[in-house]
All heavy atoms as atom14 arrays in JSON, in Angstrom:
{
  "sequence": "NSGFTLSEMLITIVVIGGLMLLALPKFQDAVRRSDVRGARTKVVTLY",
  "atom14_mask": [
    [1, 1, 1, 1, 1, 1, 1, 1, 0, 0, 0, 0, 0, 0],
    [1, 1, 1, 1, 1, 1, 0, 0, 0, 0, 0, 0, 0, 0],
    [1, 1, 1, 1, 0, 0, 0, 0, 0, 0, 0, 0, 0, 0],
    [1, 1, 1, 1, 1, 1, 1, 1, 1, 1, 1, 0, 0, 0],
    [1, 1, 1, 1, 1, 1, 1, 0, 0, 0, 0, 0, 0, 0],
    [1, 1, 1, 1, 1, 1, 1, 1, 0, 0, 0, 0, 0, 0],
    [1, 1, 1, 1, 1, 1, 0, 0, 0, 0, 0, 0, 0, 0],
    [1, 1, 1, 1, 1, 1, 1, 1, 1, 0, 0, 0, 0, 0],
    [1, 1, 1, 1, 1, 1, 1, 1, 0, 0, 0, 0, 0, 0],
    [1, 1, 1, 1, 1, 1, 1, 1, 0, 0, 0, 0, 0, 0],
    [1, 1, 1, 1, 1, 1, 1, 1, 0, 0, 0, 0, 0, 0],
    [1, 1, 1, 1, 1, 1, 1, 0, 0, 0, 0, 0, 0, 0],
    [1, 1, 1, 1, 1, 1, 1, 1, 0, 0, 0, 0, 0, 0],
    [1, 1, 1, 1, 1, 1, 1, 0, 0, 0, 0, 0, 0, 0],
    [1, 1, 1, 1, 1, 1, 1, 0, 0, 0, 0, 0, 0, 0],
    [1, 1, 1, 1, 1, 1, 1, 1, 0, 0, 0, 0, 0, 0],
    [1, 1, 1, 1, 0, 0, 0, 0, 0, 0, 0, 0, 0, 0],
    [1, 1, 1, 1, 0, 0, 0, 0, 0, 0, 0, 0, 0, 0],
    [1, 1, 1, 1, 1, 1, 1, 1, 0, 0, 0, 0, 0, 0],
    [1, 1, 1, 1, 1, 1, 1, 1, 0, 0, 0, 0, 0, 0],
    [1, 1, 1, 1, 1, 1, 1, 1, 0, 0, 0, 0, 0, 0],
    [1, 1, 1, 1, 1, 1, 1, 1, 0, 0, 0, 0, 0, 0],
    [1, 1, 1, 1, 1, 0, 0, 0, 0, 0, 0, 0, 0, 0],
    [1, 1, 1, 1, 1, 1, 1, 1, 0, 0, 0, 0, 0, 0],
    [1, 1, 1, 1, 1, 1, 1, 0, 0, 0, 0, 0, 0, 0],
    [1, 1, 1, 1, 1, 1, 1, 1, 1, 0, 0, 0, 0, 0],
    [1, 1, 1, 1, 1, 1, 1, 1, 1, 1, 1, 0, 0, 0],
    [1, 1, 1, 1, 1, 1, 1, 1, 1, 0, 0, 0, 0, 0],
    [1, 1, 1, 1, 1, 1, 1, 1, 0, 0, 0, 0, 0, 0],
    [1, 1, 1, 1, 1, 0, 0, 0, 0, 0, 0, 0, 0, 0],
    [1, 1, 1, 1, 1, 1, 1, 0, 0, 0, 0, 0, 0, 0],
    [1, 1, 1, 1, 1, 1, 1, 1, 1, 1, 1, 0, 0, 0],
    [1, 1, 1, 1, 1, 1, 1, 1, 1, 1, 1, 0, 0, 0],
    [1, 1, 1, 1, 1, 1, 0, 0, 0, 0, 0, 0, 0, 0],
    [1, 1, 1, 1, 1, 1, 1, 1, 0, 0, 0, 0, 0, 0],
    [1, 1, 1, 1, 1, 1, 1, 0, 0, 0, 0, 0, 0, 0],
    [1, 1, 1, 1, 1, 1, 1, 1, 1, 1, 1, 0, 0, 0],
    [1, 1, 1, 1, 0, 0, 0, 0, 0, 0, 0, 0, 0, 0],
    [1, 1, 1, 1, 1, 0, 0, 0, 0, 0, 0, 0, 0, 0],
    [1, 1, 1, 1, 1, 1, 1, 1, 1, 1, 1, 0, 0, 0],
    [1, 1, 1, 1, 1, 1, 1, 0, 0, 0, 0, 0, 0, 0],
    [1, 1, 1, 1, 1, 1, 1, 1, 1, 0, 0, 0, 0, 0],
    [1, 1, 1, 1, 1, 1, 1, 0, 0, 0, 0, 0, 0, 0],
    [1, 1, 1, 1, 1, 1, 1, 0, 0, 0, 0, 0, 0, 0],
    [1, 1, 1, 1, 1, 1, 1, 0, 0, 0, 0, 0, 0, 0],
    [1, 1, 1, 1, 1, 1, 1, 1, 0, 0, 0, 0, 0, 0],
    [1, 1, 1, 1, 1, 1, 1, 1, 1, 1, 1, 1, 0, 0]
  ],
  "atom14_positions": [
    [[28.16, 22.28, -74.4], [29.12, 22.61, -75.36], [30.5, 21.69, -75.15], [31.16, 21.75, -74.19], [29.58, 23.97, -75.22], [30.41, 24.66, -76.47], [30.47, 23.97, -77.28], [30.8, 25.88, -76.19], [0.0, 0.0, 0.0], [0.0, 0.0, 0.0], [0.0, 0.0, 0.0], [0.0, 0.0, 0.0], [0.0, 0.0, 0.0], [0.0, 0.0, 0.0]],
    [[30.63, 20.76, -76.05], [31.85, 19.89, -75.88], [32.67, 19.94, -77.11], [32.22, 20.15, -78.25], [31.35, 18.51, -75.52], [30.53, 17.8, -76.67], [0.0, 0.0, 0.0], [0.0, 0.0, 0.0], [0.0, 0.0, 0.0], [0.0, 0.0, 0.0], [0.0, 0.0, 0.0], [0.0, 0.0, 0.0], [0.0, 0.0, 0.0], [0.0, 0.0, 0.0]],
    [[33.97, 19.58, -76.95], [34.88, 19.56, -78.16], [35.78, 20.79, -78.11], [35.77, 21.47, -77.14], [0.0, 0.0, 0.0], [0.0, 0.0, 0.0], [0.0, 0.0, 0.0], [0.0, 0.0, 0.0], [0.0, 0.0, 0.0], [0.0, 0.0, 0.0], [0.0, 0.0, 0.0], [0.0, 0.0, 0.0], [0.0, 0.0, 0.0], [0.0, 0.0, 0.0]],
    [[36.42, 20.97, -79.27], [37.41, 22.01, -79.35], [36.92, 22.96, -80.51], [36.23, 22.54, -81.49], [38.76, 21.51, -79.7], [39.42, 20.67, -78.68], [39.38, 19.29, -78.87], [39.94, 21.06, -77.55], [39.98, 18.42, -77.99], [40.5, 20.41, -76.59], [40.51, 19.07, -76.78], [0.0, 0.0, 0.0], [0.0, 0.0, 0.0], [0.0, 0.0, 0.0]],
    [[37.27, 24.15, -80.37], [36.9, 25.18, -81.49], [37.93, 25.1, -82.5], [39.1, 24.61, -82.23], [36.84, 26.6, -80.87], [38.06, 27.03, -80.36], [35.73, 26.69, -79.78], [0.0, 0.0, 0.0], [0.0, 0.0, 0.0], [0.0, 0.0, 0.0], [0.0, 0.0, 0.0], [0.0, 0.0, 0.0], [0.0, 0.0, 0.0], [0.0, 0.0, 0.0]],
    [[37.75, 25.56, -83.62], [38.64, 25.64, -84.78], [39.92, 26.43, -84.38], [41.06, 25.92, -84.67], [38.06, 26.12, -86.0], [38.96, 26.24, -87.17], [39.36, 24.87, -87.62], [38.23, 26.91, -88.33], [0.0, 0.0, 0.0], [0.0, 0.0, 0.0], [0.0, 0.0, 0.0], [0.0, 0.0, 0.0], [0.0, 0.0, 0.0], [0.0, 0.0, 0.0]],
    [[39.77, 27.63, -83.75], [40.99, 28.3, -83.34], [41.8, 27.55, -82.32], [43.04, 27.78, -82.27], [40.54, 29.62, -82.76], [39.75, 29.46, -81.53], [0.0, 0.0, 0.0], [0.0, 0.0, 0.0], [0.0, 0.0, 0.0], [0.0, 0.0, 0.0], [0.0, 0.0, 0.0], [0.0, 0.0, 0.0], [0.0, 0.0, 0.0], [0.0, 0.0, 0.0]],
    [[41.27, 26.83, -81.4], [42.0, 26.13, -80.39], [42.86, 24.98, -81.1], [43.99, 24.73, -80.74], [41.15, 25.46, -79.46], [40.42, 26.34, -78.33], [39.49, 25.82, -77.44], [38.8, 24.91, -77.85], [39.33, 26.32, -76.32], [0.0, 0.0, 0.0], [0.0, 0.0, 0.0], [0.0, 0.0, 0.0], [0.0, 0.0, 0.0], [0.0, 0.0, 0.0]],
    [[42.18, 24.34, -82.14], [42.92, 23.25, -82.96], [44.11, 23.83, -83.73], [45.14, 23.33, -83.74], [41.9, 22.44, -83.74], [41.03, 21.62, -82.97], [39.88, 20.69, -83.94], [40.85, 19.72, -84.97], [0.0, 0.0, 0.0], [0.0, 0.0, 0.0], [0.0, 0.0, 0.0], [0.0, 0.0, 0.0], [0.0, 0.0, 0.0], [0.0, 0.0, 0.0]],
    [[43.82, 24.98, -84.29], [44.81, 25.63, -85.0], [46.04, 26.02, -84.29], [47.21, 25.93, -84.62], [44.29, 26.81, -85.86], [43.37, 26.48, -87.05], [42.83, 27.73, -87.71], [44.19, 25.67, -88.13], [0.0, 0.0, 0.0], [0.0, 0.0, 0.0], [0.0, 0.0, 0.0], [0.0, 0.0, 0.0], [0.0, 0.0, 0.0], [0.0, 0.0, 0.0]],
    [[45.86, 26.56, -83.1], [46.87, 27.03, -82.18], [47.62, 25.73, -81.68], [48.96, 25.88, -81.75], [46.3, 27.79, -80.92], [45.86, 29.2, -81.38], [47.36, 27.89, -79.86], [44.97, 29.99, -80.33], [0.0, 0.0, 0.0], [0.0, 0.0, 0.0], [0.0, 0.0, 0.0], [0.0, 0.0, 0.0], [0.0, 0.0, 0.0], [0.0, 0.0, 0.0]],
    [[46.92, 24.62, -81.45], [47.75, 23.44, -80.99], [48.55, 22.93, -82.26], [49.77, 22.49, -81.98], [46.65, 22.33, -80.72], [45.84, 22.86, -79.64], [47.37, 21.16, -80.21], [0.0, 0.0, 0.0], [0.0, 0.0, 0.0], [0.0, 0.0, 0.0], [0.0, 0.0, 0.0], [0.0, 0.0, 0.0], [0.0, 0.0, 0.0], [0.0, 0.0, 0.0]],
    [[48.18, 22.94, -83.48], [48.8, 22.55, -84.59], [50.15, 23.32, -84.84], [51.11, 22.88, -85.07], [47.96, 22.42, -85.87], [46.93, 21.25, -85.65], [48.75, 22.21, -87.0], [45.92, 21.17, -86.7], [0.0, 0.0, 0.0], [0.0, 0.0, 0.0], [0.0, 0.0, 0.0], [0.0, 0.0, 0.0], [0.0, 0.0, 0.0], [0.0, 0.0, 0.0]],
    [[49.95, 24.79, -84.68], [51.07, 25.62, -84.83], [52.06, 25.36, -83.84], [53.32, 25.3, -84.07], [50.58, 27.1, -84.89], [51.72, 27.99, -84.75], [49.7, 27.29, -86.15], [0.0, 0.0, 0.0], [0.0, 0.0, 0.0], [0.0, 0.0, 0.0], [0.0, 0.0, 0.0], [0.0, 0.0, 0.0], [0.0, 0.0, 0.0], [0.0, 0.0, 0.0]],
    [[51.79, 25.14, -82.51], [52.67, 25.01, -81.45], [53.42, 23.63, -81.77], [54.7, 23.57, -81.59], [52.0, 24.94, -80.05], [52.96, 24.47, -78.98], [51.44, 26.28, -79.78], [0.0, 0.0, 0.0], [0.0, 0.0, 0.0], [0.0, 0.0, 0.0], [0.0, 0.0, 0.0], [0.0, 0.0, 0.0], [0.0, 0.0, 0.0], [0.0, 0.0, 0.0]],
    [[52.69, 22.65, -82.09], [53.33, 21.23, -82.39], [54.29, 21.43, -83.56], [55.43, 20.87, -83.55], [52.31, 20.17, -82.53], [51.54, 19.8, -81.22], [52.9, 18.96, -83.13], [50.37, 18.98, -81.48], [0.0, 0.0, 0.0], [0.0, 0.0, 0.0], [0.0, 0.0, 0.0], [0.0, 0.0, 0.0], [0.0, 0.0, 0.0], [0.0, 0.0, 0.0]],
    [[53.78, 22.1, -84.65], [54.69, 22.36, -85.78], [55.97, 23.13, -85.34], [57.14, 22.78, -85.79], [0.0, 0.0, 0.0], [0.0, 0.0, 0.0], [0.0, 0.0, 0.0], [0.0, 0.0, 0.0], [0.0, 0.0, 0.0], [0.0, 0.0, 0.0], [0.0, 0.0, 0.0], [0.0, 0.0, 0.0], [0.0, 0.0, 0.0], [0.0, 0.0, 0.0]],
    [[55.95, 24.08, -84.59], [57.13, 24.78, -84.08], [58.07, 23.89, -83.3], [59.28, 24.04, -83.51], [0.0, 0.0, 0.0], [0.0, 0.0, 0.0], [0.0, 0.0, 0.0], [0.0, 0.0, 0.0], [0.0, 0.0, 0.0], [0.0, 0.0, 0.0], [0.0, 0.0, 0.0], [0.0, 0.0, 0.0], [0.0, 0.0, 0.0], [0.0, 0.0, 0.0]],
    [[57.53, 23.15, -82.46], [58.46, 22.26, -81.71], [59.09, 21.1, -82.48], [60.24, 20.9, -82.34], [57.56, 21.53, -80.5], [57.07, 22.3, -79.38], [56.11, 21.53, -78.45], [58.32, 22.99, -78.7], [0.0, 0.0, 0.0], [0.0, 0.0, 0.0], [0.0, 0.0, 0.0], [0.0, 0.0, 0.0], [0.0, 0.0, 0.0], [0.0, 0.0, 0.0]],
    [[58.49, 20.78, -83.54], [59.06, 19.84, -84.46], [60.05, 20.47, -85.33], [61.1, 19.85, -85.64], [57.96, 19.17, -85.49], [56.99, 18.2, -84.71], [55.75, 17.38, -85.82], [56.81, 16.38, -86.9], [0.0, 0.0, 0.0], [0.0, 0.0, 0.0], [0.0, 0.0, 0.0], [0.0, 0.0, 0.0], [0.0, 0.0, 0.0], [0.0, 0.0, 0.0]],
    [[59.91, 21.7, -85.71], [60.97, 22.51, -86.37], [62.15, 22.58, -85.63], [63.32, 22.55, -86.11], [60.58, 23.84, -86.82], [59.58, 23.76, -88.05], [59.0, 25.16, -88.33], [60.3, 23.29, -89.37], [0.0, 0.0, 0.0], [0.0, 0.0, 0.0], [0.0, 0.0, 0.0], [0.0, 0.0, 0.0], [0.0, 0.0, 0.0], [0.0, 0.0, 0.0]],
    [[62.01, 22.72, -84.26], [63.22, 22.86, -83.45], [63.94, 21.5, -83.15], [65.12, 21.5, -83.04], [62.68, 23.29, -82.07], [62.39, 24.75, -82.01], [61.75, 25.09, -80.57], [63.43, 25.78, -82.29], [0.0, 0.0, 0.0], [0.0, 0.0, 0.0], [0.0, 0.0, 0.0], [0.0, 0.0, 0.0], [0.0, 0.0, 0.0], [0.0, 0.0, 0.0]],
    [[63.09, 20.49, -83.26], [63.73, 19.01, -83.07], [64.28, 18.49, -84.32], [65.16, 17.47, -84.29], [62.66, 18.19, -82.51], [0.0, 0.0, 0.0], [0.0, 0.0, 0.0], [0.0, 0.0, 0.0], [0.0, 0.0, 0.0], [0.0, 0.0, 0.0], [0.0, 0.0, 0.0], [0.0, 0.0, 0.0], [0.0, 0.0, 0.0], [0.0, 0.0, 0.0]],
    [[63.87, 18.84, -85.49], [64.27, 18.35, -86.76], [65.77, 18.3, -86.93], [66.35, 17.24, -87.34], [63.65, 18.96, -87.91], [63.83, 18.28, -89.38], [63.16, 16.89, -89.35], [63.18, 19.09, -90.37], [0.0, 0.0, 0.0], [0.0, 0.0, 0.0], [0.0, 0.0, 0.0], [0.0, 0.0, 0.0], [0.0, 0.0, 0.0], [0.0, 0.0, 0.0]],
    [[66.59, 19.37, -86.75], [68.09, 19.32, -86.96], [68.71, 18.3, -86.03], [69.56, 17.51, -86.5], [68.46, 20.76, -86.58], [67.33, 21.59, -86.9], [66.1, 20.71, -86.45], [0.0, 0.0, 0.0], [0.0, 0.0, 0.0], [0.0, 0.0, 0.0], [0.0, 0.0, 0.0], [0.0, 0.0, 0.0], [0.0, 0.0, 0.0], [0.0, 0.0, 0.0]],
    [[68.17, 18.05, -84.82], [68.88, 17.16, -83.9], [68.48, 15.74, -84.39], [69.5, 14.87, -84.35], [68.25, 17.35, -82.45], [68.75, 18.47, -81.78], [70.19, 18.29, -81.29], [70.58, 19.42, -80.41], [71.95, 19.29, -80.02], [0.0, 0.0, 0.0], [0.0, 0.0, 0.0], [0.0, 0.0, 0.0], [0.0, 0.0, 0.0], [0.0, 0.0, 0.0]],
    [[67.41, 15.54, -84.9], [66.97, 14.13, -85.51], [67.77, 13.88, -86.68], [68.31, 12.77, -86.81], [65.39, 14.13, -85.77], [65.03, 12.89, -86.37], [64.84, 11.75, -85.6], [64.74, 12.77, -87.81], [64.48, 10.53, -86.18], [64.25, 11.62, -88.29], [64.13, 10.47, -87.48], [0.0, 0.0, 0.0], [0.0, 0.0, 0.0], [0.0, 0.0, 0.0]],
    [[67.93, 14.75, -87.6], [68.78, 14.62, -88.74], [70.33, 14.29, -88.48], [70.9, 13.53, -88.99], [68.66, 15.81, -89.75], [67.29, 15.89, -90.43], [67.32, 17.19, -91.18], [67.95, 18.24, -90.91], [66.47, 17.18, -92.29], [0.0, 0.0, 0.0], [0.0, 0.0, 0.0], [0.0, 0.0, 0.0], [0.0, 0.0, 0.0], [0.0, 0.0, 0.0]],
    [[70.75, 14.95, -87.42], [72.15, 14.69, -86.99], [72.29, 13.33, -86.49], [73.27, 12.62, -86.64], [72.37, 15.85, -85.91], [73.93, 15.88, -85.53], [74.77, 15.94, -86.47], [74.25, 15.72, -84.35], [0.0, 0.0, 0.0], [0.0, 0.0, 0.0], [0.0, 0.0, 0.0], [0.0, 0.0, 0.0], [0.0, 0.0, 0.0], [0.0, 0.0, 0.0]],
    [[71.23, 12.86, -85.62], [71.32, 11.53, -85.18], [71.23, 10.51, -86.26], [71.88, 9.52, -86.22], [70.34, 11.31, -84.22], [0.0, 0.0, 0.0], [0.0, 0.0, 0.0], [0.0, 0.0, 0.0], [0.0, 0.0, 0.0], [0.0, 0.0, 0.0], [0.0, 0.0, 0.0], [0.0, 0.0, 0.0], [0.0, 0.0, 0.0], [0.0, 0.0, 0.0]],
    [[70.5, 10.71, -87.18], [70.39, 9.73, -88.42], [71.85, 9.81, -89.03], [72.21, 8.69, -89.51], [69.38, 10.22, -89.36], [69.32, 9.38, -90.65], [67.96, 10.1, -88.69], [0.0, 0.0, 0.0], [0.0, 0.0, 0.0], [0.0, 0.0, 0.0], [0.0, 0.0, 0.0], [0.0, 0.0, 0.0], [0.0, 0.0, 0.0], [0.0, 0.0, 0.0]],
    [[72.42, 10.83, -89.3], [73.68, 10.77, -90.0], [74.73, 10.01, -89.22], [75.53, 9.35, -89.69], [74.21, 12.36, -90.25], [73.45, 12.96, -91.44], [74.26, 14.3, -91.66], [73.06, 15.16, -92.53], [72.43, 16.14, -92.04], [72.62, 16.49, -90.74], [71.6, 16.77, -92.81], [0.0, 0.0, 0.0], [0.0, 0.0, 0.0], [0.0, 0.0, 0.0]],
    [[74.75, 10.21, -87.9], [75.75, 9.65, -87.01], [75.43, 8.17, -87.01], [76.44, 7.37, -87.08], [75.6, 10.17, -85.53], [76.66, 9.58, -84.62], [76.57, 10.3, -83.26], [76.21, 11.71, -83.14], [75.05, 12.19, -82.65], [74.17, 11.38, -82.26], [74.9, 13.54, -82.66], [0.0, 0.0, 0.0], [0.0, 0.0, 0.0], [0.0, 0.0, 0.0]],
    [[74.21, 7.7, -87.01], [73.71, 6.4, -87.08], [74.25, 5.69, -88.4], [74.73, 4.6, -88.38], [72.24, 6.31, -86.85], [71.97, 4.86, -86.91], [0.0, 0.0, 0.0], [0.0, 0.0, 0.0], [0.0, 0.0, 0.0], [0.0, 0.0, 0.0], [0.0, 0.0, 0.0], [0.0, 0.0, 0.0], [0.0, 0.0, 0.0], [0.0, 0.0, 0.0]],
    [[74.06, 6.42, -89.53], [74.49, 6.0, -90.83], [75.99, 5.63, -90.99], [76.36, 4.6, -91.43], [73.92, 6.9, -91.92], [72.59, 6.8, -92.3], [71.94, 5.81, -91.87], [72.03, 7.78, -92.8], [0.0, 0.0, 0.0], [0.0, 0.0, 0.0], [0.0, 0.0, 0.0], [0.0, 0.0, 0.0], [0.0, 0.0, 0.0], [0.0, 0.0, 0.0]],
    [[76.76, 6.65, -90.27], [78.28, 6.46, -90.34], [78.62, 5.2, -89.56], [79.49, 4.39, -89.93], [78.93, 7.6, -89.85], [80.47, 7.49, -89.59], [78.84, 8.79, -90.81], [0.0, 0.0, 0.0], [0.0, 0.0, 0.0], [0.0, 0.0, 0.0], [0.0, 0.0, 0.0], [0.0, 0.0, 0.0], [0.0, 0.0, 0.0], [0.0, 0.0, 0.0]],
    [[77.99, 4.97, -88.41], [78.31, 3.86, -87.61], [77.92, 2.58, -88.29], [78.52, 1.56, -88.12], [77.57, 3.9, -86.18], [78.41, 4.55, -85.15], [77.83, 4.47, -83.73], [77.29, 5.82, -83.37], [76.07, 6.12, -82.91], [75.24, 5.16, -82.71], [75.73, 7.33, -82.7], [0.0, 0.0, 0.0], [0.0, 0.0, 0.0], [0.0, 0.0, 0.0]],
    [[76.76, 2.59, -88.83], [76.28, 1.4, -89.77], [77.26, 1.06, -90.85], [77.47, -0.13, -90.99], [0.0, 0.0, 0.0], [0.0, 0.0, 0.0], [0.0, 0.0, 0.0], [0.0, 0.0, 0.0], [0.0, 0.0, 0.0], [0.0, 0.0, 0.0], [0.0, 0.0, 0.0], [0.0, 0.0, 0.0], [0.0, 0.0, 0.0], [0.0, 0.0, 0.0]],
    [[77.64, 2.01, -91.53], [78.62, 1.82, -92.61], [80.0, 1.24, -91.97], [80.5, 0.32, -92.63], [78.99, 3.06, -93.37], [0.0, 0.0, 0.0], [0.0, 0.0, 0.0], [0.0, 0.0, 0.0], [0.0, 0.0, 0.0], [0.0, 0.0, 0.0], [0.0, 0.0, 0.0], [0.0, 0.0, 0.0], [0.0, 0.0, 0.0], [0.0, 0.0, 0.0]],
    [[80.46, 1.71, -90.87], [81.58, 1.32, -90.16], [81.41, -0.24, -89.87], [82.28, -1.05, -90.08], [82.0, 1.98, -89.0], [83.21, 1.52, -88.31], [83.31, 2.12, -86.88], [82.29, 1.63, -86.05], [81.92, 2.29, -84.88], [82.61, 3.25, -84.54], [80.95, 1.67, -84.23], [0.0, 0.0, 0.0], [0.0, 0.0, 0.0], [0.0, 0.0, 0.0]],
    [[80.3, -0.6, -89.35], [80.15, -1.96, -88.9], [80.0, -2.86, -90.22], [80.48, -3.92, -90.11], [78.75, -1.98, -88.15], [78.78, -1.18, -87.04], [78.28, -3.37, -87.77], [0.0, 0.0, 0.0], [0.0, 0.0, 0.0], [0.0, 0.0, 0.0], [0.0, 0.0, 0.0], [0.0, 0.0, 0.0], [0.0, 0.0, 0.0], [0.0, 0.0, 0.0]],
    [[79.37, -2.41, -91.26], [79.36, -3.1, -92.51], [80.8, -3.4, -93.06], [81.09, -4.5, -93.56], [78.59, -2.38, -93.52], [78.55, -3.03, -94.83], [77.89, -4.29, -94.91], [76.37, -4.2, -95.21], [75.68, -5.37, -95.3], [0.0, 0.0, 0.0], [0.0, 0.0, 0.0], [0.0, 0.0, 0.0], [0.0, 0.0, 0.0], [0.0, 0.0, 0.0]],
    [[81.7, -2.38, -93.03], [82.99, -2.52, -93.53], [83.77, -3.65, -92.67], [84.41, -4.5, -93.13], [83.85, -1.28, -93.52], [85.35, -1.5, -93.73], [83.25, -0.29, -94.58], [0.0, 0.0, 0.0], [0.0, 0.0, 0.0], [0.0, 0.0, 0.0], [0.0, 0.0, 0.0], [0.0, 0.0, 0.0], [0.0, 0.0, 0.0], [0.0, 0.0, 0.0]],
    [[83.59, -3.49, -91.26], [84.22, -4.58, -90.34], [83.7, -5.91, -90.56], [84.46, -6.9, -90.7], [84.11, -4.09, -88.98], [84.56, -5.16, -87.89], [84.92, -2.8, -88.54], [0.0, 0.0, 0.0], [0.0, 0.0, 0.0], [0.0, 0.0, 0.0], [0.0, 0.0, 0.0], [0.0, 0.0, 0.0], [0.0, 0.0, 0.0], [0.0, 0.0, 0.0]],
    [[82.35, -5.97, -90.76], [81.75, -7.27, -91.06], [82.3, -7.94, -92.47], [82.55, -9.06, -92.39], [80.26, -7.14, -91.09], [79.84, -6.59, -89.79], [79.56, -8.43, -91.33], [0.0, 0.0, 0.0], [0.0, 0.0, 0.0], [0.0, 0.0, 0.0], [0.0, 0.0, 0.0], [0.0, 0.0, 0.0], [0.0, 0.0, 0.0], [0.0, 0.0, 0.0]],
    [[82.41, -7.04, -93.36], [82.83, -7.65, -94.64], [84.2, -8.22, -94.57], [84.61, -9.16, -95.11], [82.76, -6.55, -95.68], [81.33, -6.22, -96.26], [81.35, -4.97, -97.28], [80.79, -7.37, -97.08], [0.0, 0.0, 0.0], [0.0, 0.0, 0.0], [0.0, 0.0, 0.0], [0.0, 0.0, 0.0], [0.0, 0.0, 0.0], [0.0, 0.0, 0.0]],
    [[85.14, -7.35, -93.92], [86.53, -7.82, -93.67], [86.57, -9.22, -92.9], [87.26, -10.09, -93.26], [87.4, -6.82, -92.89], [88.85, -7.17, -92.91], [89.6, -7.11, -93.92], [89.28, -7.73, -91.76], [90.95, -7.48, -93.94], [90.61, -8.23, -91.59], [91.4, -7.96, -92.77], [92.66, -8.5, -92.61], [0.0, 0.0, 0.0], [0.0, 0.0, 0.0]]
  ]
}
């Protein structure tokens, strides 16, 4: 008997999905902060 059962794979996917939901707000916050810094750099470069 080798491999994973369907229930083991589903539990793994649910756990990974839950962890991603917890990390998503932090990731979005980092993207917004990066976008503001990028725009600031663009304005300074244009000047």
